[in-house]
Amino acid sequence: MRSLGAPRIAKLLLTSNQIGDAGAGELAGALRSNATLTELGLQLNRIGDAGKAAIREAWGNRGGELK
């Protein structure tokens, strides 16, 4: 059986999941090692300024959509 390797996720929509700053920080850590994600939806969560800053920094200059 052939291994398919790591999944390549391009779009991740986490709308209305009650994600706060701590969750945003964890997500930011995962974003740093993911080069395939081109769309991330985080609308209607509880992410404050610190969490937003962490996500923006981790998203970097990859383009795509950060909502």
PDB file of N, CA and C in Angstrom:
ATOM      1  N   MET A   1       0.837  -1.174   0.000  1.00  0.00           N
ATOM      2  CA  MET A   1       0.000   0.000   0.000  1.00  0.00           C
ATOM      3  C   MET A   1       0.886   1.242   0.000  1.00  0.00           C
ATOM      4  N   ARG A   2       0.576   2.188  -0.817  1.00  0.00           N
ATOM      5  CA  ARG A   2       1.354   3.408  -0.951  1.00  0.00           C
ATOM      6  C   ARG A   2       0.865   4.483   0.022  1.00  0.00           C
ATOM      7  N   SER A   3       1.783   5.168   0.660  1.00  0.00           N
ATOM      8  CA  SER A   3       1.447   6.251   1.574  1.00  0.00           C
ATOM      9  C   SER A   3       1.105   7.506   0.784  1.00  0.00           C
ATOM     10  N   LEU A   4       0.076   8.187   1.209  1.00  0.00           N
ATOM     11  CA  LEU A   4      -0.327   9.429   0.555  1.00  0.00           C
ATOM     12  C   LEU A   4       0.373  10.640   1.153  1.00  0.00           C
ATOM     13  N   GLY A   5       1.108  10.459   2.234  1.00  0.00           N
ATOM     14  CA  GLY A   5       1.789  11.577   2.870  1.00  0.00           C
ATOM     15  C   GLY A   5       0.827  12.449   3.658  1.00  0.00           C
ATOM     16  N   ALA A   6       1.298  13.616   4.019  1.00  0.00           N
ATOM     17  CA  ALA A   6       0.491  14.551   4.804  1.00  0.00           C
ATOM     18  C   ALA A   6      -0.626  15.129   3.939  1.00  0.00           C
ATOM     19  N   PRO A   7      -1.806  15.330   4.526  1.00  0.00           N
ATOM     20  CA  PRO A   7      -2.892  15.935   3.763  1.00  0.00           C
ATOM     21  C   PRO A   7      -2.558  17.372   3.381  1.00  0.00           C
ATOM     22  N   ARG A   8      -3.036  17.800   2.248  1.00  0.00           N
ATOM     23  CA  ARG A   8      -2.799  19.157   1.766  1.00  0.00           C
ATOM     24  C   ARG A   8      -4.124  19.911   1.787  1.00  0.00           C
ATOM     25  N   ILE A   9      -4.298  20.681   2.822  1.00  0.00           N
ATOM     26  CA  ILE A   9      -5.535  21.434   2.998  1.00  0.00           C
ATOM     27  C   ILE A   9      -5.332  22.828   2.436  1.00  0.00           C
ATOM     28  N   ALA A  10      -6.226  23.250   1.543  1.00  0.00           N
ATOM     29  CA  ALA A  10      -6.135  24.579   0.948  1.00  0.00           C
ATOM     30  C   ALA A  10      -7.137  25.543   1.569  1.00  0.00           C
ATOM     31  N   LYS A  11      -8.241  25.024   2.062  1.00  0.00           N
ATOM     32  CA  LYS A  11      -9.317  25.874   2.581  1.00  0.00           C
ATOM     33  C   LYS A  11      -9.771  25.328   3.929  1.00  0.00           C
ATOM     34  N   LEU A  12      -9.791  26.194   4.951  1.00  0.00           N
ATOM     35  CA  LEU A  12     -10.211  25.801   6.292  1.00  0.00           C
ATOM     36  C   LEU A  12     -11.174  26.849   6.819  1.00  0.00           C
ATOM     37  N   LEU A  13     -12.418  26.454   7.025  1.00  0.00           N
ATOM     38  CA  LEU A  13     -13.444  27.381   7.506  1.00  0.00           C
ATOM     39  C   LEU A  13     -13.824  26.989   8.929  1.00  0.00           C
ATOM     40  N   LEU A  14     -13.510  27.863   9.873  1.00  0.00           N
ATOM     41  CA  LEU A  14     -13.762  27.625  11.291  1.00  0.00           C
ATOM     42  C   LEU A  14     -14.718  28.673  11.851  1.00  0.00           C
ATOM     43  N   THR A  15     -15.680  29.052  11.059  1.00  0.00           N
ATOM     44  CA  THR A  15     -16.649  30.079  11.432  1.00  0.00           C
ATOM     45  C   THR A  15     -17.490  29.616  12.620  1.00  0.00           C
ATOM     46  N   SER A  16     -17.712  30.523  13.565  1.00  0.00           N
ATOM     47  CA  SER A  16     -18.605  30.330  14.699  1.00  0.00           C
ATOM     48  C   SER A  16     -18.252  29.100  15.542  1.00  0.00           C
ATOM     49  N   ASN A  17     -16.992  29.019  15.960  1.00  0.00           N
ATOM     50  CA  ASN A  17     -16.527  27.911  16.787  1.00  0.00           C
ATOM     51  C   ASN A  17     -16.064  28.352  18.171  1.00  0.00           C
ATOM     52  N   GLN A  18     -16.353  29.568  18.555  1.00  0.00           N
ATOM     53  CA  GLN A  18     -15.977  30.111  19.857  1.00  0.00           C
ATOM     54  C   GLN A  18     -14.476  30.046  20.099  1.00  0.00           C
ATOM     55  N   ILE A  19     -13.697  30.240  19.046  1.00  0.00           N
ATOM     56  CA  ILE A  19     -12.242  30.266  19.171  1.00  0.00           C
ATOM     57  C   ILE A  19     -11.837  31.594  19.809  1.00  0.00           C
ATOM     58  N   GLY A  20     -11.022  31.526  20.842  1.00  0.00           N
ATOM     59  CA  GLY A  20     -10.536  32.726  21.520  1.00  0.00           C
ATOM     60  C   GLY A  20      -9.063  32.950  21.206  1.00  0.00           C
ATOM     61  N   ASP A  21      -8.430  33.811  21.983  1.00  0.00           N
ATOM     62  CA  ASP A  21      -7.015  34.129  21.764  1.00  0.00           C
ATOM     63  C   ASP A  21      -6.105  32.907  21.928  1.00  0.00           C
ATOM     64  N   ALA A  22      -6.404  32.055  22.903  1.00  0.00           N
ATOM     65  CA  ALA A  22      -5.572  30.863  23.105  1.00  0.00           C
ATOM     66  C   ALA A  22      -5.661  29.939  21.902  1.00  0.00           C
ATOM     67  N   GLY A  23      -6.861  29.710  21.400  1.00  0.00           N
ATOM     68  CA  GLY A  23      -7.042  28.874  20.218  1.00  0.00           C
ATOM     69  C   GLY A  23      -6.408  29.493  18.983  1.00  0.00           C
ATOM     70  N   ALA A  24      -6.501  30.810  18.874  1.00  0.00           N
ATOM     71  CA  ALA A  24      -5.875  31.510  17.747  1.00  0.00           C
ATOM     72  C   ALA A  24      -4.365  31.360  17.805  1.00  0.00           C
ATOM     73  N   GLY A  25      -3.808  31.368  18.999  1.00  0.00           N
ATOM     74  CA  GLY A  25      -2.368  31.169  19.159  1.00  0.00           C
ATOM     75  C   GLY A  25      -1.946  29.776  18.720  1.00  0.00           C
ATOM     76  N   GLU A  26      -2.736  28.776  19.061  1.00  0.00           N
ATOM     77  CA  GLU A  26      -2.448  27.399  18.630  1.00  0.00           C
ATOM     78  C   GLU A  26      -2.565  27.280  17.113  1.00  0.00           C
ATOM     79  N   LEU A  27      -3.585  27.904  16.564  1.00  0.00           N
ATOM     80  CA  LEU A  27      -3.774  27.893  15.109  1.00  0.00           C
ATOM     81  C   LEU A  27      -2.620  28.597  14.406  1.00  0.00           C
ATOM     82  N   ALA A  28      -2.155  29.690  14.975  1.00  0.00           N
ATOM     83  CA  ALA A  28      -1.013  30.418  14.398  1.00  0.00           C
ATOM     84  C   ALA A  28       0.220  29.526  14.347  1.00  0.00           C
ATOM     85  N   GLY A  29       0.441  28.735  15.393  1.00  0.00           N
ATOM     86  CA  GLY A  29       1.562  27.806  15.396  1.00  0.00           C
ATOM     87  C   GLY A  29       1.456  26.784  14.278  1.00  0.00           C
ATOM     88  N   ALA A  30       0.262  26.293  14.034  1.00  0.00           N
ATOM     89  CA  ALA A  30       0.051  25.328  12.955  1.00  0.00           C
ATOM     90  C   ALA A  30       0.224  25.982  11.586  1.00  0.00           C
ATOM     91  N   LEU A  31      -0.189  27.239  11.469  1.00  0.00           N
ATOM     92  CA  LEU A  31      -0.056  27.950  10.187  1.00  0.00           C
ATOM     93  C   LEU A  31       1.402  28.110   9.780  1.00  0.00           C
ATOM     94  N   ARG A  32       2.276  28.255  10.739  1.00  0.00           N
ATOM     95  CA  ARG A  32       3.701  28.451  10.434  1.00  0.00           C
ATOM     96  C   ARG A  32       4.301  27.258   9.696  1.00  0.00           C
ATOM     97  N   SER A  33       3.747  26.074   9.920  1.00  0.00           N
ATOM     98  CA  SER A  33       4.291  24.889   9.264  1.00  0.00           C
ATOM     99  C   SER A  33       3.407  24.390   8.124  1.00  0.00           C
ATOM    100  N   ASN A  34       2.405  25.177   7.730  1.00  0.00           N
ATOM    101  CA  ASN A  34       1.518  24.791   6.642  1.00  0.00           C
ATOM    102  C   ASN A  34       1.678  25.768   5.487  1.00  0.00           C
ATOM    103  N   ALA A  35       2.128  25.270   4.358  1.00  0.00           N
ATOM    104  CA  ALA A  35       2.336  26.130   3.189  1.00  0.00           C
ATOM    105  C   ALA A  35       1.224  25.989   2.161  1.00  0.00           C
ATOM    106  N   THR A  36       0.269  25.082   2.387  1.00  0.00           N
ATOM    107  CA  THR A  36      -0.754  24.829   1.373  1.00  0.00           C
ATOM    108  C   THR A  36      -2.048  25.600   1.599  1.00  0.00           C
ATOM    109  N   LEU A  37      -2.283  26.081   2.805  1.00  0.00           N
ATOM    110  CA  LEU A  37      -3.526  26.781   3.109  1.00  0.00           C
ATOM    111  C   LEU A  37      -3.577  28.127   2.405  1.00  0.00           C
ATOM    112  N   THR A  38      -4.644  28.338   1.631  1.00  0.00           N
ATOM    113  CA  THR A  38      -4.803  29.614   0.918  1.00  0.00           C
ATOM    114  C   THR A  38      -6.063  30.363   1.334  1.00  0.00           C
ATOM    115  N   GLU A  39      -6.910  29.727   2.128  1.00  0.00           N
ATOM    116  CA  GLU A  39      -8.109  30.405   2.629  1.00  0.00           C
ATOM    117  C   GLU A  39      -8.393  29.945   4.045  1.00  0.00           C
ATOM    118  N   LEU A  40      -8.575  30.904   4.938  1.00  0.00           N
ATOM    119  CA  LEU A  40      -8.871  30.625   6.341  1.00  0.00           C
ATOM    120  C   LEU A  40     -10.025  31.520   6.766  1.00  0.00           C
ATOM    121  N   GLY A  41     -11.115  30.915   7.197  1.00  0.00           N
ATOM    122  CA  GLY A  41     -12.293  31.647   7.646  1.00  0.00           C
ATOM    123  C   GLY A  41     -12.463  31.535   9.151  1.00  0.00           C
ATOM    124  N   LEU A  42     -12.412  32.659   9.827  1.00  0.00           N
ATOM    125  CA  LEU A  42     -12.529  32.682  11.289  1.00  0.00           C
ATOM    126  C   LEU A  42     -13.624  33.643  11.767  1.00  0.00           C
ATOM    127  N   GLN A  43     -14.588  33.920  10.932  1.00  0.00           N
ATOM    128  CA  GLN A  43     -15.639  34.864  11.310  1.00  0.00           C
ATOM    129  C   GLN A  43     -16.442  34.331  12.508  1.00  0.00           C
ATOM    130  N   LEU A  44     -17.015  35.254  13.245  1.00  0.00           N
ATOM    131  CA  LEU A  44     -17.914  34.967  14.355  1.00  0.00           C
ATOM    132  C   LEU A  44     -17.283  34.110  15.451  1.00  0.00           C
ATOM    133  N   ASN A  45     -16.015  34.381  15.751  1.00  0.00           N
ATOM    134  CA  ASN A  45     -15.332  33.746  16.865  1.00  0.00           C
ATOM    135  C   ASN A  45     -15.049  34.798  17.930  1.00  0.00           C
ATOM    136  N   ARG A  46     -14.340  34.437  18.952  1.00  0.00           N
ATOM    137  CA  ARG A  46     -14.054  35.349  20.068  1.00  0.00           C
ATOM    138  C   ARG A  46     -12.574  35.716  20.098  1.00  0.00           C
ATOM    139  N   ILE A  47     -12.006  35.943  18.943  1.00  0.00           N
ATOM    140  CA  ILE A  47     -10.583  36.242  18.838  1.00  0.00           C
ATOM    141  C   ILE A  47     -10.364  37.734  19.070  1.00  0.00           C
ATOM    142  N   GLY A  48      -9.554  38.066  20.069  1.00  0.00           N
ATOM    143  CA  GLY A  48      -9.251  39.451  20.389  1.00  0.00           C
ATOM    144  C   GLY A  48      -8.041  39.948  19.604  1.00  0.00           C
ATOM    145  N   ASP A  49      -7.561  41.119  19.988  1.00  0.00           N
ATOM    146  CA  ASP A  49      -6.444  41.744  19.278  1.00  0.00           C
ATOM    147  C   ASP A  49      -5.177  40.883  19.282  1.00  0.00           C
ATOM    148  N   ALA A  50      -4.875  40.254  20.426  1.00  0.00           N
ATOM    149  CA  ALA A  50      -3.662  39.426  20.513  1.00  0.00           C
ATOM    150  C   ALA A  50      -3.753  38.217  19.591  1.00  0.00           C
ATOM    151  N   GLY A  51      -4.903  37.572  19.567  1.00  0.00           N
ATOM    152  CA  GLY A  51      -5.097  36.420  18.693  1.00  0.00           C
ATOM    153  C   GLY A  51      -5.060  36.801  17.225  1.00  0.00           C
ATOM    154  N   LYS A  52      -5.664  37.943  16.893  1.00  0.00           N
ATOM    155  CA  LYS A  52      -5.649  38.421  15.505  1.00  0.00           C
ATOM    156  C   LYS A  52      -4.223  38.723  15.051  1.00  0.00           C
ATOM    157  N   ALA A  53      -3.451  39.326  15.930  1.00  0.00           N
ATOM    158  CA  ALA A  53      -2.058  39.654  15.594  1.00  0.00           C
ATOM    159  C   ALA A  53      -1.251  38.373  15.356  1.00  0.00           C
ATOM    160  N   ALA A  54      -1.473  37.357  16.182  1.00  0.00           N
ATOM    161  CA  ALA A  54      -0.749  36.091  16.024  1.00  0.00           C
ATOM    162  C   ALA A  54      -1.098  35.430  14.693  1.00  0.00           C
ATOM    163  N   ILE A  55      -2.380  35.435  14.344  1.00  0.00           N
ATOM    164  CA  ILE A  55      -2.817  34.840  13.077  1.00  0.00           C
ATOM    165  C   ILE A  55      -2.236  35.615  11.895  1.00  0.00           C
ATOM    166  N   ARG A  56      -2.318  36.944  11.945  1.00  0.00           N
ATOM    167  CA  ARG A  56      -1.776  37.769  10.839  1.00  0.00           C
ATOM    168  C   ARG A  56      -0.281  37.541  10.652  1.00  0.00           C
ATOM    169  N   GLU A  57       0.448  37.460  11.757  1.00  0.00           N
ATOM    170  CA  GLU A  57       1.903  37.246  11.679  1.00  0.00           C
ATOM    171  C   GLU A  57       2.216  35.874  11.079  1.00  0.00           C
ATOM    172  N   ALA A  58       1.490  34.857  11.519  1.00  0.00           N
ATOM    173  CA  ALA A  58       1.720  33.505  11.011  1.00  0.00           C
ATOM    174  C   ALA A  58       1.293  33.369   9.554  1.00  0.00           C
ATOM    175  N   TRP A  59       0.242  34.084   9.160  1.00  0.00           N
ATOM    176  CA  TRP A  59      -0.250  34.039   7.773  1.00  0.00           C
ATOM    177  C   TRP A  59       0.798  34.624   6.830  1.00  0.00           C
ATOM    178  N   GLY A  60       1.468  35.658   7.307  1.00  0.00           N
ATOM    179  CA  GLY A  60       2.567  36.263   6.545  1.00  0.00           C
ATOM    180  C   GLY A  60       2.137  36.812   5.201  1.00  0.00           C
ATOM    181  N   ASN A  61       2.947  36.575   4.200  1.00  0.00           N
ATOM    182  CA  ASN A  61       2.724  37.107   2.861  1.00  0.00           C
ATOM    183  C   ASN A  61       2.258  36.028   1.894  1.00  0.00           C
ATOM    184  N   ARG A  62       1.540  35.040   2.396  1.00  0.00           N
ATOM    185  CA  ARG A  62       1.151  33.934   1.527  1.00  0.00           C
ATOM    186  C   ARG A  62       0.059  34.284   0.530  1.00  0.00           C
ATOM    187  N   GLY A  63      -0.594  35.441   0.678  1.00  0.00           N
ATOM    188  CA  GLY A  63      -1.703  35.774  -0.226  1.00  0.00           C
ATOM    189  C   GLY A  63      -2.934  34.980   0.187  1.00  0.00           C
ATOM    190  N   GLY A  64      -3.809  34.754  -0.723  1.00  0.00           N
ATOM    191  CA  GLY A  64      -5.038  34.022  -0.401  1.00  0.00           C
ATOM    192  C   GLY A  64      -5.973  34.882   0.421  1.00  0.00           C
ATOM    193  N   GLU A  65      -6.920  34.234   1.080  1.00  0.00           N
ATOM    194  CA  GLU A  65      -7.937  34.950   1.842  1.00  0.00           C
ATOM    195  C   GLU A  65      -7.848  34.611   3.318  1.00  0.00           C
ATOM    196  N   LEU A  66      -7.792  35.643   4.117  1.00  0.00           N
ATOM    197  CA  LEU A  66      -7.828  35.521   5.568  1.00  0.00           C
ATOM    198  C   LEU A  66      -9.034  36.307   6.014  1.00  0.00           C
ATOM    199  N   LYS A  67     -10.077  35.598   6.438  1.00  0.00           N
ATOM    200  CA  LYS A  67     -11.350  36.256   6.804  1.00  0.00           C
ATOM    201  C   LYS A  67     -11.581  36.160   8.289  1.00  0.00           C
TER     202      LYS A  67
END
